Amino acid sequence: KTYPAGIENGVQGFEITGYAAPMIPGDMVRDLILVSDMGLCPLCGSADHGANLQVTLADPIPMTDEMKRITLRGTLNRVDDPETWQAVILEDAEIVTR
């Protein structure tokens, strides 16, 4: 994997908007997959999914409506594991708008 020099030490305050699907079902969730379109969600049945971002929230939230866009802010860190295609993860994320 190759990365731009700007994310070598992570990017604090990285903000992104998309549709959030819980990685593990439950009333309160901390781990999400953020996608640009729920029709292209890798956890929603489609094998032809688009780009997605794994998110770990700073605090668990109640999962209410997956059909609304959500804006998150956290630290974008590289995933250097050569055994996965995953490039980055957003960690310690907080909700900006819901």
C-alpha atoms as a PDB file:
ATOM      1  CA  LYS A   1       0.000   0.000   0.000  1.00  0.00           C
ATOM      2  CA  THR A   2       1.118   3.536  -0.652  1.00  0.00           C
ATOM      3  CA  TYR A   3      -0.158   6.622   1.135  1.00  0.00           C
ATOM      4  CA  PRO A   4       0.189  10.374   0.708  1.00  0.00           C
ATOM      5  CA  ALA A   5       2.740  11.890   3.097  1.00  0.00           C
ATOM      6  CA  GLY A   6      -0.022  13.945   4.721  1.00  0.00           C
ATOM      7  CA  ILE A   7      -1.540  10.926   6.477  1.00  0.00           C
ATOM      8  CA  GLU A   8       1.686   9.306   7.683  1.00  0.00           C
ATOM      9  CA  ASN A   9       0.905  10.174  11.310  1.00  0.00           C
ATOM     10  CA  GLY A  10      -2.891  10.196  10.968  1.00  0.00           C
ATOM     11  CA  VAL A  11      -5.202  13.121  10.303  1.00  0.00           C
ATOM     12  CA  GLN A  12      -6.914  14.559  13.362  1.00  0.00           C
ATOM     13  CA  GLY A  13     -10.218  16.355  12.903  1.00  0.00           C
ATOM     14  CA  PHE A  14     -11.004  14.504   9.665  1.00  0.00           C
ATOM     15  CA  GLU A  15     -14.663  15.102   8.779  1.00  0.00           C
ATOM     16  CA  ILE A  16     -16.764  12.956   6.452  1.00  0.00           C
ATOM     17  CA  THR A  17     -20.447  12.497   5.606  1.00  0.00           C
ATOM     18  CA  GLY A  18     -22.246   9.348   4.498  1.00  0.00           C
ATOM     19  CA  TYR A  19     -24.713   6.661   5.488  1.00  0.00           C
ATOM     20  CA  ALA A  20     -23.794   4.627   8.567  1.00  0.00           C
ATOM     21  CA  ALA A  21     -24.554   0.927   8.963  1.00  0.00           C
ATOM     22  CA  PRO A  22     -23.681  -0.866  12.202  1.00  0.00           C
ATOM     23  CA  MET A  23     -20.947  -3.493  11.885  1.00  0.00           C
ATOM     24  CA  ILE A  24     -22.596  -5.499  14.681  1.00  0.00           C
ATOM     25  CA  PRO A  25     -26.362  -5.192  15.271  1.00  0.00           C
ATOM     26  CA  GLY A  26     -27.550  -3.863  18.610  1.00  0.00           C
ATOM     27  CA  ASP A  27     -29.367  -1.050  20.384  1.00  0.00           C
ATOM     28  CA  MET A  28     -26.106   0.814  21.058  1.00  0.00           C
ATOM     29  CA  VAL A  29     -23.296   0.725  18.483  1.00  0.00           C
ATOM     30  CA  ARG A  30     -19.684   1.844  18.469  1.00  0.00           C
ATOM     31  CA  ASP A  31     -18.442   0.290  15.202  1.00  0.00           C
ATOM     32  CA  LEU A  32     -19.886   1.467  11.891  1.00  0.00           C
ATOM     33  CA  ILE A  33     -19.325   1.200   8.170  1.00  0.00           C
ATOM     34  CA  LEU A  34     -19.788   4.543   6.420  1.00  0.00           C
ATOM     35  CA  VAL A  35     -20.868   4.385   2.765  1.00  0.00           C
ATOM     36  CA  SER A  36     -21.786   6.969   0.152  1.00  0.00           C
ATOM     37  CA  ASP A  37     -24.951   5.085  -0.894  1.00  0.00           C
ATOM     38  CA  MET A  38     -26.894   2.496   1.141  1.00  0.00           C
ATOM     39  CA  GLY A  39     -27.523   0.595  -2.090  1.00  0.00           C
ATOM     40  CA  LEU A  40     -23.772  -0.042  -2.249  1.00  0.00           C
ATOM     41  CA  CYS A  41     -23.251  -1.129   1.369  1.00  0.00           C
ATOM     42  CA  PRO A  42     -21.037  -4.238   1.772  1.00  0.00           C
ATOM     43  CA  LEU A  43     -23.093  -5.346   4.812  1.00  0.00           C
ATOM     44  CA  CYS A  44     -26.442  -4.863   3.056  1.00  0.00           C
ATOM     45  CA  GLY A  45     -26.326  -7.753   0.606  1.00  0.00           C
ATOM     46  CA  SER A  46     -24.694  -6.235  -2.475  1.00  0.00           C
ATOM     47  CA  ALA A  47     -21.523  -7.898  -3.713  1.00  0.00           C
ATOM     48  CA  ASP A  48     -20.871  -4.876  -5.939  1.00  0.00           C
ATOM     49  CA  HIS A  49     -20.221  -2.370  -3.184  1.00  0.00           C
ATOM     50  CA  GLY A  50     -18.427   0.947  -3.538  1.00  0.00           C
ATOM     51  CA  ALA A  51     -15.929   2.627  -1.259  1.00  0.00           C
ATOM     52  CA  ASN A  52     -16.599   2.368   2.451  1.00  0.00           C
ATOM     53  CA  LEU A  53     -14.904   3.477   5.646  1.00  0.00           C
ATOM     54  CA  GLN A  54     -14.733   1.602   8.930  1.00  0.00           C
ATOM     55  CA  VAL A  55     -15.516   3.911  11.859  1.00  0.00           C
ATOM     56  CA  THR A  56     -14.952   3.426  15.580  1.00  0.00           C
ATOM     57  CA  LEU A  57     -16.900   5.948  17.648  1.00  0.00           C
ATOM     58  CA  ALA A  58     -15.504   7.538  20.816  1.00  0.00           C
ATOM     59  CA  ASP A  59     -18.816   6.739  22.579  1.00  0.00           C
ATOM     60  CA  PRO A  60     -21.575   4.280  21.641  1.00  0.00           C
ATOM     61  CA  ILE A  61     -24.733   5.728  20.077  1.00  0.00           C
ATOM     62  CA  PRO A  62     -28.264   4.413  19.595  1.00  0.00           C
ATOM     63  CA  MET A  63     -28.724   3.262  16.005  1.00  0.00           C
ATOM     64  CA  THR A  64     -31.936   4.855  14.841  1.00  0.00           C
ATOM     65  CA  ASP A  65     -32.254   5.476  11.109  1.00  0.00           C
ATOM     66  CA  GLU A  66     -29.734   4.067   8.619  1.00  0.00           C
ATOM     67  CA  MET A  67     -31.413   5.957   5.778  1.00  0.00           C
ATOM     68  CA  LYS A  68     -30.229   9.384   6.998  1.00  0.00           C
ATOM     69  CA  ARG A  69     -26.836  10.855   6.219  1.00  0.00           C
ATOM     70  CA  ILE A  70     -24.513  11.408   9.160  1.00  0.00           C
ATOM     71  CA  THR A  71     -21.398  13.591   9.493  1.00  0.00           C
ATOM     72  CA  LEU A  72     -18.563  12.320  11.666  1.00  0.00           C
ATOM     73  CA  ARG A  73     -15.280  13.823  12.853  1.00  0.00           C
ATOM     74  CA  GLY A  74     -12.349  11.791  14.161  1.00  0.00           C
ATOM     75  CA  THR A  75      -8.796  10.695  13.515  1.00  0.00           C
ATOM     76  CA  LEU A  76      -8.125   9.086  10.147  1.00  0.00           C
ATOM     77  CA  ASN A  77      -5.396   6.452  10.589  1.00  0.00           C
ATOM     78  CA  ARG A  78      -3.648   4.209   8.092  1.00  0.00           C
ATOM     79  CA  VAL A  79      -4.168   0.455   8.121  1.00  0.00           C
ATOM     80  CA  ASP A  80      -0.714  -0.916   7.347  1.00  0.00           C
ATOM     81  CA  ASP A  81      -1.726  -4.596   7.530  1.00  0.00           C
ATOM     82  CA  PRO A  82      -0.614  -6.101   4.181  1.00  0.00           C
ATOM     83  CA  GLU A  83      -3.234  -8.876   4.450  1.00  0.00           C
ATOM     84  CA  THR A  84      -6.192  -6.534   3.875  1.00  0.00           C
ATOM     85  CA  TRP A  85      -7.296  -4.127   1.164  1.00  0.00           C
ATOM     86  CA  GLN A  86      -8.468  -1.729   3.886  1.00  0.00           C
ATOM     87  CA  ALA A  87      -6.415   1.465   3.649  1.00  0.00           C
ATOM     88  CA  VAL A  88      -7.694   3.691   6.488  1.00  0.00           C
ATOM     89  CA  ILE A  89      -9.975   3.711   9.534  1.00  0.00           C
ATOM     90  CA  LEU A  90     -11.687   6.630  11.282  1.00  0.00           C
ATOM     91  CA  GLU A  91     -11.138   6.298  15.024  1.00  0.00           C
ATOM     92  CA  ASP A  92     -12.436   8.108  18.119  1.00  0.00           C
ATOM     93  CA  ALA A  93     -15.133   9.616  15.925  1.00  0.00           C
ATOM     94  CA  GLU A  94     -17.876  11.912  17.160  1.00  0.00           C
ATOM     95  CA  ILE A  95     -21.134  12.892  15.514  1.00  0.00           C
ATOM     96  CA  VAL A  96     -21.126  16.364  13.983  1.00  0.00           C
ATOM     97  CA  THR A  97     -24.645  16.221  12.482  1.00  0.00           C
ATOM     98  CA  ARG A  98     -27.241  13.537  12.346  1.00  0.00           C
END
